[in-house]
Every structure is written in C-alpha cells, then in structure tokens.
C-alpha cells in the first residue's frame, strides 16, 4: 500500500513541474503518432512533404522545452518530483537529435 510520502515523491508541486510533465507527455504522444502513422505512409502521399517537417519541428520543440522547463523547475523552484526529473530525458533526446542534425553532415 502506498503512503502519502511515496505519492508526493512522484507528483510535481510547482506549476513549472506540471508544465514540464505535460510537455514531455505531449512529446511522447507525438513521437508515437510519428512512428506508427506518419513514417509508415508511402512516399507518394502529397501532403507528407509539407506537413512532416513542421510536425517534426513541433515534436522536437515539445521535447526540448519539457527538458528545459523541468531543469528550471528543479534548479530555481527546488522541485524534487521524480516525474520532473524524468522530463529531462525527452529533453536530452531532442537535444541529441537537434545537435546531430547540425554537427553531422548528411
């Protein structure tokens, strides 16, 4: 049986903490939609070329923003929620891909 102290370790206590959790959840949902639907479309779908770059940028911005907001919540507002600490993983993931696009030539 869970006690109040174990539940409070998972739930964010600040508004920035909740924002980072929501943005990380949006990133994960967008990533699942991207991998299950958009990447399986055939190449000849006409709207794919125009929609997917904007979708990808929005998805990466959600992940990067989740990590940044989570880091700000931990450093400035002393947030100690485990969920907020986990939001830094999508932020690092997005940062890894964004840096890879700029540092590694195709």
PDB file of N, CA and C in Angstrom:
ATOM      1  N   UNK A   1       0.833  -1.183   0.000  1.00  0.00           N
ATOM      2  CA  UNK A   1       0.000   0.000   0.000  1.00  0.00           C
ATOM      3  C   UNK A   1       0.875   1.242   0.000  1.00  0.00           C
ATOM      4  N   UNK A   2       0.529   2.196  -0.844  1.00  0.00           N
ATOM      5  CA  UNK A   2       1.327   3.412  -0.962  1.00  0.00           C
ATOM      6  C   UNK A   2       0.977   4.379   0.161  1.00  0.00           C
ATOM      7  N   UNK A   3       1.984   5.053   0.604  1.00  0.00           N
ATOM      8  CA  UNK A   3       1.759   6.086   1.609  1.00  0.00           C
ATOM      9  C   UNK A   3       1.758   7.443   0.938  1.00  0.00           C
ATOM     10  N   UNK A   4       1.376   8.451   1.681  1.00  0.00           N
ATOM     11  CA  UNK A   4       1.344   9.799   1.127  1.00  0.00           C
ATOM     12  C   UNK A   4       2.722  10.272   0.723  1.00  0.00           C
ATOM     13  N   UNK A   5       3.751   9.861   1.444  1.00  0.00           N
ATOM     14  CA  UNK A   5       5.096  10.327   1.110  1.00  0.00           C
ATOM     15  C   UNK A   5       5.591   9.745  -0.207  1.00  0.00           C
ATOM     16  N   UNK A   6       5.210   8.491  -0.529  1.00  0.00           N
ATOM     17  CA  UNK A   6       5.648   7.915  -1.803  1.00  0.00           C
ATOM     18  C   UNK A   6       4.900   8.537  -2.974  1.00  0.00           C
ATOM     19  N   UNK A   7       3.624   8.904  -2.767  1.00  0.00           N
ATOM     20  CA  UNK A   7       2.891   9.566  -3.836  1.00  0.00           C
ATOM     21  C   UNK A   7       3.402  10.981  -4.057  1.00  0.00           C
ATOM     22  N   UNK A   8       3.782  11.647  -3.000  1.00  0.00           N
ATOM     23  CA  UNK A   8       4.263  13.017  -3.151  1.00  0.00           C
ATOM     24  C   UNK A   8       5.627  13.065  -3.816  1.00  0.00           C
ATOM     25  N   UNK A   9       6.347  11.966  -3.810  1.00  0.00           N
ATOM     26  CA  UNK A   9       7.637  11.938  -4.489  1.00  0.00           C
ATOM     27  C   UNK A   9       7.464  11.920  -6.005  1.00  0.00           C
ATOM     28  N   UNK A  10       6.311  11.484  -6.480  1.00  0.00           N
ATOM     29  CA  UNK A  10       6.067  11.405  -7.915  1.00  0.00           C
ATOM     30  C   UNK A  10       5.337  12.613  -8.466  1.00  0.00           C
ATOM     31  N   UNK A  11       4.477  13.238  -7.664  1.00  0.00           N
ATOM     32  CA  UNK A  11       3.663  14.353  -8.151  1.00  0.00           C
ATOM     33  C   UNK A  11       4.417  15.671  -8.040  1.00  0.00           C
ATOM     34  N   UNK A  12       4.443  16.446  -9.104  1.00  0.00           N
ATOM     35  CA  UNK A  12       5.087  17.760  -9.035  1.00  0.00           C
ATOM     36  C   UNK A  12       4.331  18.697  -8.100  1.00  0.00           C
ATOM     37  N   UNK A  13       5.062  19.583  -7.463  1.00  0.00           N
ATOM     38  CA  UNK A  13       4.436  20.518  -6.530  1.00  0.00           C
ATOM     39  C   UNK A  13       4.415  21.945  -7.065  1.00  0.00           C
ATOM     40  N   UNK A  14       5.039  22.197  -8.204  1.00  0.00           N
ATOM     41  CA  UNK A  14       5.078  23.548  -8.770  1.00  0.00           C
ATOM     42  C   UNK A  14       4.403  23.559 -10.135  1.00  0.00           C
ATOM     43  N   UNK A  15       4.026  24.766 -10.557  1.00  0.00           N
ATOM     44  CA  UNK A  15       3.405  24.903 -11.879  1.00  0.00           C
ATOM     45  C   UNK A  15       4.378  24.562 -12.994  1.00  0.00           C
ATOM     46  N   UNK A  16       5.631  24.964 -12.832  1.00  0.00           N
ATOM     47  CA  UNK A  16       6.626  24.622 -13.862  1.00  0.00           C
ATOM     48  C   UNK A  16       6.838  23.117 -13.929  1.00  0.00           C
ATOM     49  N   UNK A  17       6.767  22.456 -12.804  1.00  0.00           N
ATOM     50  CA  UNK A  17       6.895  20.998 -12.788  1.00  0.00           C
ATOM     51  C   UNK A  17       5.774  20.338 -13.566  1.00  0.00           C
ATOM     52  N   UNK A  18       4.545  20.821 -13.361  1.00  0.00           N
ATOM     53  CA  UNK A  18       3.414  20.271 -14.102  1.00  0.00           C
ATOM     54  C   UNK A  18       3.527  20.572 -15.589  1.00  0.00           C
ATOM     55  N   UNK A  19       3.995  21.766 -15.944  1.00  0.00           N
ATOM     56  CA  UNK A  19       4.174  22.106 -17.357  1.00  0.00           C
ATOM     57  C   UNK A  19       5.194  21.180 -18.012  1.00  0.00           C
ATOM     58  N   UNK A  20       6.267  20.893 -17.315  1.00  0.00           N
ATOM     59  CA  UNK A  20       7.278  20.014 -17.905  1.00  0.00           C
ATOM     60  C   UNK A  20       6.739  18.606 -18.106  1.00  0.00           C
ATOM     61  N   UNK A  21       5.923  18.130 -17.168  1.00  0.00           N
ATOM     62  CA  UNK A  21       5.326  16.798 -17.316  1.00  0.00           C
ATOM     63  C   UNK A  21       4.361  16.769 -18.491  1.00  0.00           C
ATOM     64  N   UNK A  22       3.554  17.815 -18.629  1.00  0.00           N
ATOM     65  CA  UNK A  22       2.611  17.869 -19.758  1.00  0.00           C
ATOM     66  C   UNK A  22       3.334  17.939 -21.102  1.00  0.00           C
ATOM     67  N   UNK A  23       4.385  18.739 -21.171  1.00  0.00           N
ATOM     68  CA  UNK A  23       5.141  18.845 -22.424  1.00  0.00           C
ATOM     69  C   UNK A  23       5.851  17.538 -22.756  1.00  0.00           C
ATOM     70  N   UNK A  24       6.365  16.857 -21.757  1.00  0.00           N
ATOM     71  CA  UNK A  24       7.010  15.567 -22.001  1.00  0.00           C
ATOM     72  C   UNK A  24       5.989  14.536 -22.464  1.00  0.00           C
ATOM     73  N   UNK A  25       4.791  14.563 -21.886  1.00  0.00           N
ATOM     74  CA  UNK A  25       3.735  13.643 -22.324  1.00  0.00           C
ATOM     75  C   UNK A  25       3.330  13.951 -23.766  1.00  0.00           C
ATOM     76  N   UNK A  26       3.236  15.235 -24.110  1.00  0.00           N
ATOM     77  CA  UNK A  26       2.914  15.612 -25.493  1.00  0.00           C
ATOM     78  C   UNK A  26       4.006  15.123 -26.440  1.00  0.00           C
ATOM     79  N   UNK A  27       5.274  15.239 -26.034  1.00  0.00           N
ATOM     80  CA  UNK A  27       6.381  14.762 -26.863  1.00  0.00           C
ATOM     81  C   UNK A  27       6.279  13.258 -27.097  1.00  0.00           C
ATOM     82  N   UNK A  28       5.996  12.512 -26.054  1.00  0.00           N
ATOM     83  CA  UNK A  28       5.906  11.058 -26.188  1.00  0.00           C
ATOM     84  C   UNK A  28       4.729  10.677 -27.084  1.00  0.00           C
ATOM     85  N   UNK A  29       3.586  11.342 -26.917  1.00  0.00           N
ATOM     86  CA  UNK A  29       2.425  11.048 -27.753  1.00  0.00           C
ATOM     87  C   UNK A  29       2.709  11.391 -29.218  1.00  0.00           C
ATOM     88  N   UNK A  30       3.333  12.544 -29.450  1.00  0.00           N
ATOM     89  CA  UNK A  30       3.677  12.926 -30.824  1.00  0.00           C
ATOM     90  C   UNK A  30       4.694  11.967 -31.438  1.00  0.00           C
ATOM     91  N   UNK A  31       5.623  11.485 -30.635  1.00  0.00           N
ATOM     92  CA  UNK A  31       6.613  10.529 -31.139  1.00  0.00           C
ATOM     93  C   UNK A  31       5.947   9.200 -31.515  1.00  0.00           C
ATOM     94  N   UNK A  32       5.017   8.752 -30.703  1.00  0.00           N
ATOM     95  CA  UNK A  32       4.302   7.501 -31.014  1.00  0.00           C
ATOM     96  C   UNK A  32       3.471   7.669 -32.280  1.00  0.00           C
ATOM     97  N   UNK A  33       2.775   8.796 -32.416  1.00  0.00           N
ATOM     98  CA  UNK A  33       1.993   9.056 -33.632  1.00  0.00           C
ATOM     99  C   UNK A  33       2.912   9.115 -34.848  1.00  0.00           C
ATOM    100  N   UNK A  34       4.051   9.745 -34.703  1.00  0.00           N
ATOM    101  CA  UNK A  34       5.000   9.847 -35.812  1.00  0.00           C
ATOM    102  C   UNK A  34       5.483   8.466 -36.248  1.00  0.00           C
ATOM    103  N   UNK A  35       5.851   7.634 -35.284  1.00  0.00           N
ATOM    104  CA  UNK A  35       6.398   6.321 -35.634  1.00  0.00           C
ATOM    105  C   UNK A  35       5.348   5.336 -36.127  1.00  0.00           C
ATOM    106  N   UNK A  36       4.131   5.437 -35.618  1.00  0.00           N
ATOM    107  CA  UNK A  36       3.121   4.446 -36.007  1.00  0.00           C
ATOM    108  C   UNK A  36       2.315   4.858 -37.228  1.00  0.00           C
ATOM    109  N   UNK A  37       2.161   6.146 -37.481  1.00  0.00           N
ATOM    110  CA  UNK A  37       1.301   6.575 -38.590  1.00  0.00           C
ATOM    111  C   UNK A  37       2.111   7.227 -39.705  1.00  0.00           C
ATOM    112  N   UNK A  38       2.796   8.315 -39.400  1.00  0.00           N
ATOM    113  CA  UNK A  38       3.428   9.115 -40.447  1.00  0.00           C
ATOM    114  C   UNK A  38       4.592   8.414 -41.130  1.00  0.00           C
ATOM    115  N   UNK A  39       5.391   7.695 -40.407  1.00  0.00           N
ATOM    116  CA  UNK A  39       6.555   7.049 -41.017  1.00  0.00           C
ATOM    117  C   UNK A  39       6.175   5.830 -41.845  1.00  0.00           C
ATOM    118  N   UNK A  40       4.964   5.353 -41.699  1.00  0.00           N
ATOM    119  CA  UNK A  40       4.522   4.201 -42.483  1.00  0.00           C
ATOM    120  C   UNK A  40       3.754   4.597 -43.743  1.00  0.00           C
ATOM    121  N   UNK A  41       3.600   5.899 -43.950  1.00  0.00           N
ATOM    122  CA  UNK A  41       2.923   6.359 -45.155  1.00  0.00           C
ATOM    123  C   UNK A  41       3.831   6.161 -46.367  1.00  0.00           C
ATOM    124  N   UNK A  42       3.245   5.874 -47.515  1.00  0.00           N
ATOM    125  CA  UNK A  42       4.069   5.761 -48.716  1.00  0.00           C
ATOM    126  C   UNK A  42       4.648   7.112 -49.127  1.00  0.00           C
ATOM    127  N   UNK A  43       5.696   7.073 -49.891  1.00  0.00           N
ATOM    128  CA  UNK A  43       6.388   8.289 -50.313  1.00  0.00           C
ATOM    129  C   UNK A  43       5.538   9.171 -51.230  1.00  0.00           C
ATOM    130  N   UNK A  44       4.591   8.598 -51.924  1.00  0.00           N
ATOM    131  CA  UNK A  44       3.832   9.372 -52.899  1.00  0.00           C
ATOM    132  C   UNK A  44       2.649  10.139 -52.294  1.00  0.00           C
ATOM    133  N   UNK A  45       2.482  10.131 -50.989  1.00  0.00           N
ATOM    134  CA  UNK A  45       1.432  10.932 -50.354  1.00  0.00           C
ATOM    135  C   UNK A  45       1.838  12.396 -50.468  1.00  0.00           C
ATOM    136  N   UNK A  46       0.971  13.194 -51.094  1.00  0.00           N
ATOM    137  CA  UNK A  46       1.366  14.563 -51.456  1.00  0.00           C
ATOM    138  C   UNK A  46       1.539  15.481 -50.249  1.00  0.00           C
ATOM    139  N   UNK A  47       0.706  15.355 -49.233  1.00  0.00           N
ATOM    140  CA  UNK A  47       0.773  16.270 -48.095  1.00  0.00           C
ATOM    141  C   UNK A  47       1.883  15.910 -47.119  1.00  0.00           C
ATOM    142  N   UNK A  48       2.478  14.750 -47.270  1.00  0.00           N
ATOM    143  CA  UNK A  48       3.531  14.315 -46.352  1.00  0.00           C
ATOM    144  C   UNK A  48       4.742  15.245 -46.389  1.00  0.00           C
ATOM    145  N   UNK A  49       5.108  15.706 -47.562  1.00  0.00           N
ATOM    146  CA  UNK A  49       6.292  16.550 -47.725  1.00  0.00           C
ATOM    147  C   UNK A  49       6.101  17.909 -47.060  1.00  0.00           C
ATOM    148  N   UNK A  50       4.883  18.413 -47.045  1.00  0.00           N
ATOM    149  CA  UNK A  50       4.655  19.728 -46.463  1.00  0.00           C
ATOM    150  C   UNK A  50       4.353  19.674 -44.973  1.00  0.00           C
ATOM    151  N   UNK A  51       3.708  18.607 -44.497  1.00  0.00           N
ATOM    152  CA  UNK A  51       3.283  18.533 -43.097  1.00  0.00           C
ATOM    153  C   UNK A  51       4.383  18.008 -42.186  1.00  0.00           C
ATOM    154  N   UNK A  52       5.095  16.992 -42.592  1.00  0.00           N
ATOM    155  CA  UNK A  52       6.041  16.326 -41.696  1.00  0.00           C
ATOM    156  C   UNK A  52       7.187  17.204 -41.189  1.00  0.00           C
ATOM    157  N   UNK A  53       7.757  18.110 -41.967  1.00  0.00           N
ATOM    158  CA  UNK A  53       8.801  18.960 -41.374  1.00  0.00           C
ATOM    159  C   UNK A  53       8.285  19.821 -40.222  1.00  0.00           C
ATOM    160  N   UNK A  54       7.101  20.388 -40.378  1.00  0.00           N
ATOM    161  CA  UNK A  54       6.533  21.199 -39.297  1.00  0.00           C
ATOM    162  C   UNK A  54       6.165  20.344 -38.090  1.00  0.00           C
ATOM    163  N   UNK A  55       5.641  19.163 -38.341  1.00  0.00           N
ATOM    164  CA  UNK A  55       5.298  18.229 -37.276  1.00  0.00           C
ATOM    165  C   UNK A  55       6.553  17.822 -36.500  1.00  0.00           C
ATOM    166  N   UNK A  56       7.621  17.520 -37.225  1.00  0.00           N
ATOM    167  CA  UNK A  56       8.869  17.131 -36.573  1.00  0.00           C
ATOM    168  C   UNK A  56       9.477  18.250 -35.743  1.00  0.00           C
ATOM    169  N   UNK A  57       9.425  19.469 -36.269  1.00  0.00           N
ATOM    170  CA  UNK A  57       9.948  20.610 -35.522  1.00  0.00           C
ATOM    171  C   UNK A  57       9.130  20.831 -34.260  1.00  0.00           C
ATOM    172  N   UNK A  58       7.804  20.758 -34.366  1.00  0.00           N
ATOM    173  CA  UNK A  58       6.944  20.932 -33.198  1.00  0.00           C
ATOM    174  C   UNK A  58       7.193  19.836 -32.169  1.00  0.00           C
ATOM    175  N   UNK A  59       7.374  18.600 -32.628  1.00  0.00           N
ATOM    176  CA  UNK A  59       7.623  17.479 -31.737  1.00  0.00           C
ATOM    177  C   UNK A  59       8.935  17.673 -30.984  1.00  0.00           C
ATOM    178  N   UNK A  60       9.988  18.058 -31.696  1.00  0.00           N
ATOM    179  CA  UNK A  60      11.281  18.267 -31.043  1.00  0.00           C
ATOM    180  C   UNK A  60      11.255  19.474 -30.100  1.00  0.00           C
ATOM    181  N   UNK A  61      10.516  20.509 -30.465  1.00  0.00           N
ATOM    182  CA  UNK A  61      10.390  21.659 -29.568  1.00  0.00           C
ATOM    183  C   UNK A  61       9.660  21.287 -28.283  1.00  0.00           C
ATOM    184  N   UNK A  62       8.659  20.414 -28.373  1.00  0.00           N
ATOM    185  CA  UNK A  62       7.974  19.947 -27.158  1.00  0.00           C
ATOM    186  C   UNK A  62       8.942  19.195 -26.250  1.00  0.00           C
ATOM    187  N   UNK A  63       9.738  18.320 -26.816  1.00  0.00           N
ATOM    188  CA  UNK A  63      10.701  17.568 -26.012  1.00  0.00           C
ATOM    189  C   UNK A  63      11.769  18.453 -25.412  1.00  0.00           C
ATOM    190  N   UNK A  64      12.319  19.346 -26.219  1.00  0.00           N
ATOM    191  CA  UNK A  64      13.366  20.245 -25.732  1.00  0.00           C
ATOM    192  C   UNK A  64      12.827  21.189 -24.665  1.00  0.00           C
ATOM    193  N   UNK A  65      11.635  21.714 -24.881  1.00  0.00           N
ATOM    194  CA  UNK A  65      11.030  22.616 -23.903  1.00  0.00           C
ATOM    195  C   UNK A  65      10.694  21.883 -22.606  1.00  0.00           C
ATOM    196  N   UNK A  66      10.260  20.642 -22.701  1.00  0.00           N
ATOM    197  CA  UNK A  66       9.983  19.857 -21.496  1.00  0.00           C
ATOM    198  C   UNK A  66      11.237  19.704 -20.651  1.00  0.00           C
ATOM    199  N   UNK A  67      12.355  19.425 -21.295  1.00  0.00           N
ATOM    200  CA  UNK A  67      13.608  19.284 -20.559  1.00  0.00           C
ATOM    201  C   UNK A  67      14.073  20.589 -19.943  1.00  0.00           C
ATOM    202  N   UNK A  68      13.945  21.674 -20.684  1.00  0.00           N
ATOM    203  CA  UNK A  68      14.383  22.978 -20.178  1.00  0.00           C
ATOM    204  C   UNK A  68      13.499  23.431 -19.018  1.00  0.00           C
ATOM    205  N   UNK A  69      12.184  23.303 -19.173  1.00  0.00           N
ATOM    206  CA  UNK A  69      11.268  23.712 -18.098  1.00  0.00           C
ATOM    207  C   UNK A  69      11.466  22.827 -16.870  1.00  0.00           C
ATOM    208  N   UNK A  70      11.687  21.538 -17.073  1.00  0.00           N
ATOM    209  CA  UNK A  70      11.960  20.647 -15.949  1.00  0.00           C
ATOM    210  C   UNK A  70      13.244  21.016 -15.234  1.00  0.00           C
ATOM    211  N   UNK A  71      14.270  21.373 -15.996  1.00  0.00           N
ATOM    212  CA  UNK A  71      15.531  21.783 -15.390  1.00  0.00           C
ATOM    213  C   UNK A  71      15.377  23.079 -14.608  1.00  0.00           C
ATOM    214  N   UNK A  72      14.625  24.019 -15.148  1.00  0.00           N
ATOM    215  CA  UNK A  72      14.367  25.275 -14.437  1.00  0.00           C
ATOM    216  C   UNK A  72      13.575  25.007 -13.160  1.00  0.00           C
ATOM    217  N   UNK A  73      12.595  24.109 -13.231  1.00  0.00           N
ATOM    218  CA  UNK A  73      11.802  23.785 -12.040  1.00  0.00           C
ATOM    219  C   UNK A  73      12.668  23.143 -10.959  1.00  0.00           C
ATOM    220  N   UNK A  74      13.604  22.308 -11.356  1.00  0.00           N
ATOM    221  CA  UNK A  74      14.478  21.654 -10.376  1.00  0.00           C
ATOM    222  C   UNK A  74      15.471  22.646  -9.781  1.00  0.00           C
ATOM    223  N   UNK A  75      16.061  23.499 -10.612  1.00  0.00           N
ATOM    224  CA  UNK A  75      17.107  24.399 -10.126  1.00  0.00           C
ATOM    225  C   UNK A  75      16.520  25.591  -9.378  1.00  0.00           C
ATOM    226  N   UNK A  76      15.563  26.260  -9.971  1.00  0.00           N
ATOM    227  CA  UNK A  76      15.065  27.507  -9.372  1.00  0.00           C
ATOM    228  C   UNK A  76      13.992  27.302  -8.316  1.00  0.00           C
ATOM    229  N   UNK A  77      13.102  26.339  -8.545  1.00  0.00           N
ATOM    230  CA  UNK A  77      11.981  26.173  -7.625  1.00  0.00           C
ATOM    231  C   UNK A  77      12.144  24.956  -6.721  1.00  0.00           C
ATOM    232  N   UNK A  78      13.278  24.316  -6.793  1.00  0.00           N
ATOM    233  CA  UNK A  78      13.632  23.179  -5.933  1.00  0.00           C
ATOM    234  C   UNK A  78      12.598  22.054  -6.021  1.00  0.00           C
ATOM    235  N   UNK A  79      12.151  21.789  -7.235  1.00  0.00           N
ATOM    236  CA  UNK A  79      11.210  20.696  -7.479  1.00  0.00           C
ATOM    237  C   UNK A  79      11.947  19.377  -7.319  1.00  0.00           C
ATOM    238  N   UNK A  80      11.373  18.450  -6.575  1.00  0.00           N
ATOM    239  CA  UNK A  80      12.027  17.159  -6.336  1.00  0.00           C
ATOM    240  C   UNK A  80      11.199  15.971  -6.807  1.00  0.00           C
ATOM    241  N   UNK A  81      10.207  16.228  -7.617  1.00  0.00           N
ATOM    242  CA  UNK A  81       9.354  15.165  -8.120  1.00  0.00           C
ATOM    243  C   UNK A  81      10.129  14.281  -9.101  1.00  0.00           C
ATOM    244  N   UNK A  82       9.895  12.999  -8.992  1.00  0.00           N
ATOM    245  CA  UNK A  82      10.562  12.068  -9.913  1.00  0.00           C
ATOM    246  C   UNK A  82      10.080  12.248 -11.344  1.00  0.00           C
ATOM    247  N   UNK A  83       8.817  12.608 -11.513  1.00  0.00           N
ATOM    248  CA  UNK A  83       8.304  12.841 -12.871  1.00  0.00           C
ATOM    249  C   UNK A  83       9.016  14.012 -13.535  1.00  0.00           C
ATOM    250  N   UNK A  84       9.314  15.044 -12.761  1.00  0.00           N
ATOM    251  CA  UNK A  84      10.011  16.199 -13.338  1.00  0.00           C
ATOM    252  C   UNK A  84      11.435  15.807 -13.715  1.00  0.00           C
ATOM    253  N   UNK A  85      12.063  14.996 -12.909  1.00  0.00           N
ATOM    254  CA  UNK A  85      13.401  14.518 -13.271  1.00  0.00           C
ATOM    255  C   UNK A  85      13.341  13.683 -14.547  1.00  0.00           C
ATOM    256  N   UNK A  86      12.268  12.909 -14.724  1.00  0.00           N
ATOM    257  CA  UNK A  86      12.124  12.093 -15.933  1.00  0.00           C
ATOM    258  C   UNK A  86      11.873  12.938 -17.179  1.00  0.00           C
ATOM    259  N   UNK A  87      11.341  14.153 -17.003  1.00  0.00           N
ATOM    260  CA  UNK A  87      11.097  15.004 -18.165  1.00  0.00           C
ATOM    261  C   UNK A  87      12.389  15.481 -18.811  1.00  0.00           C
ATOM    262  N   UNK A  88      13.468  15.356 -18.109  1.00  0.00           N
ATOM    263  CA  UNK A  88      14.747  15.754 -18.704  1.00  0.00           C
ATOM    264  C   UNK A  88      15.224  14.740 -19.743  1.00  0.00           C
ATOM    265  N   UNK A  89      14.716  13.519 -19.693  1.00  0.00           N
ATOM    266  CA  UNK A  89      15.096  12.518 -20.698  1.00  0.00           C
ATOM    267  C   UNK A  89      14.605  12.874 -22.101  1.00  0.00           C
ATOM    268  N   UNK A  90      13.316  13.225 -22.292  1.00  0.00           N
ATOM    269  CA  UNK A  90      12.922  13.680 -23.635  1.00  0.00           C
ATOM    270  C   UNK A  90      13.669  14.943 -24.061  1.00  0.00           C
ATOM    271  N   UNK A  91      14.006  15.798 -23.106  1.00  0.00           N
ATOM    272  CA  UNK A  91      14.780  16.993 -23.435  1.00  0.00           C
ATOM    273  C   UNK A  91      16.157  16.641 -23.955  1.00  0.00           C
ATOM    274  N   UNK A  92      16.810  15.690 -23.293  1.00  0.00           N
ATOM    275  CA  UNK A  92      18.131  15.244 -23.760  1.00  0.00           C
ATOM    276  C   UNK A  92      18.029  14.511 -25.092  1.00  0.00           C
ATOM    277  N   UNK A  93      16.975  13.734 -25.253  1.00  0.00           N
ATOM    278  CA  UNK A  93      16.741  13.016 -26.508  1.00  0.00           C
ATOM    279  C   UNK A  93      16.588  13.993 -27.668  1.00  0.00           C
ATOM    280  N   UNK A  94      15.754  15.020 -27.474  1.00  0.00           N
ATOM    281  CA  UNK A  94      15.547  16.024 -28.523  1.00  0.00           C
ATOM    282  C   UNK A  94      16.825  16.810 -28.776  1.00  0.00           C
ATOM    283  N   UNK A  95      17.538  17.165 -27.718  1.00  0.00           N
ATOM    284  CA  UNK A  95      18.800  17.897 -27.876  1.00  0.00           C
ATOM    285  C   UNK A  95      19.824  17.064 -28.643  1.00  0.00           C
ATOM    286  N   UNK A  96      19.868  15.773 -28.367  1.00  0.00           N
ATOM    287  CA  UNK A  96      20.767  14.868 -29.074  1.00  0.00           C
ATOM    288  C   UNK A  96      20.475  14.867 -30.577  1.00  0.00           C
ATOM    289  N   UNK A  97      19.189  14.783 -30.939  1.00  0.00           N
ATOM    290  CA  UNK A  97      18.822  14.775 -32.357  1.00  0.00           C
ATOM    291  C   UNK A  97      19.047  16.125 -33.022  1.00  0.00           C
ATOM    292  N   UNK A  98      18.742  17.200 -32.326  1.00  0.00           N
ATOM    293  CA  UNK A  98      18.933  18.531 -32.905  1.00  0.00           C
ATOM    294  C   UNK A  98      20.419  18.807 -33.130  1.00  0.00           C
ATOM    295  N   UNK A  99      21.258  18.478 -32.152  1.00  0.00           N
ATOM    296  CA  UNK A  99      22.701  18.660 -32.333  1.00  0.00           C
ATOM    297  C   UNK A  99      23.241  17.752 -33.428  1.00  0.00           C
ATOM    298  N   UNK A 100      22.695  16.552 -33.532  1.00  0.00           N
ATOM    299  CA  UNK A 100      23.124  15.639 -34.591  1.00  0.00           C
ATOM    300  C   UNK A 100      22.820  16.171 -35.975  1.00  0.00           C
ATOM    301  N   UNK A 101      21.702  16.852 -36.110  1.00  0.00           N
ATOM    302  CA  UNK A 101      21.357  17.438 -37.414  1.00  0.00           C
ATOM    303  C   UNK A 101      22.346  18.529 -37.828  1.00  0.00           C
ATOM    304  N   UNK A 102      22.832  19.291 -36.875  1.00  0.00           N
ATOM    305  CA  UNK A 102      23.723  20.389 -37.204  1.00  0.00           C
ATOM    306  C   UNK A 102      25.203  19.984 -37.236  1.00  0.00           C
ATOM    307  N   UNK A 103      25.586  19.019 -36.429  1.00  0.00           N
ATOM    308  CA  UNK A 103      27.013  18.673 -36.322  1.00  0.00           C
ATOM    309  C   UNK A 103      27.464  17.589 -37.288  1.00  0.00           C
ATOM    310  N   UNK A 104      26.568  16.701 -37.688  1.00  0.00           N
ATOM    311  CA  UNK A 104      26.932  15.599 -38.563  1.00  0.00           C
ATOM    312  C   UNK A 104      26.378  15.865 -39.949  1.00  0.00           C
ATOM    313  N   UNK A 105      27.235  16.049 -40.927  1.00  0.00           N
ATOM    314  CA  UNK A 105      26.734  16.310 -42.286  1.00  0.00           C
ATOM    315  C   UNK A 105      26.099  15.046 -42.885  1.00  0.00           C
ATOM    316  N   UNK A 106      25.097  15.266 -43.707  1.00  0.00           N
ATOM    317  CA  UNK A 106      24.410  14.132 -44.350  1.00  0.00           C
ATOM    318  C   UNK A 106      25.014  13.924 -45.716  1.00  0.00           C
TER     319      UNK A 106
END
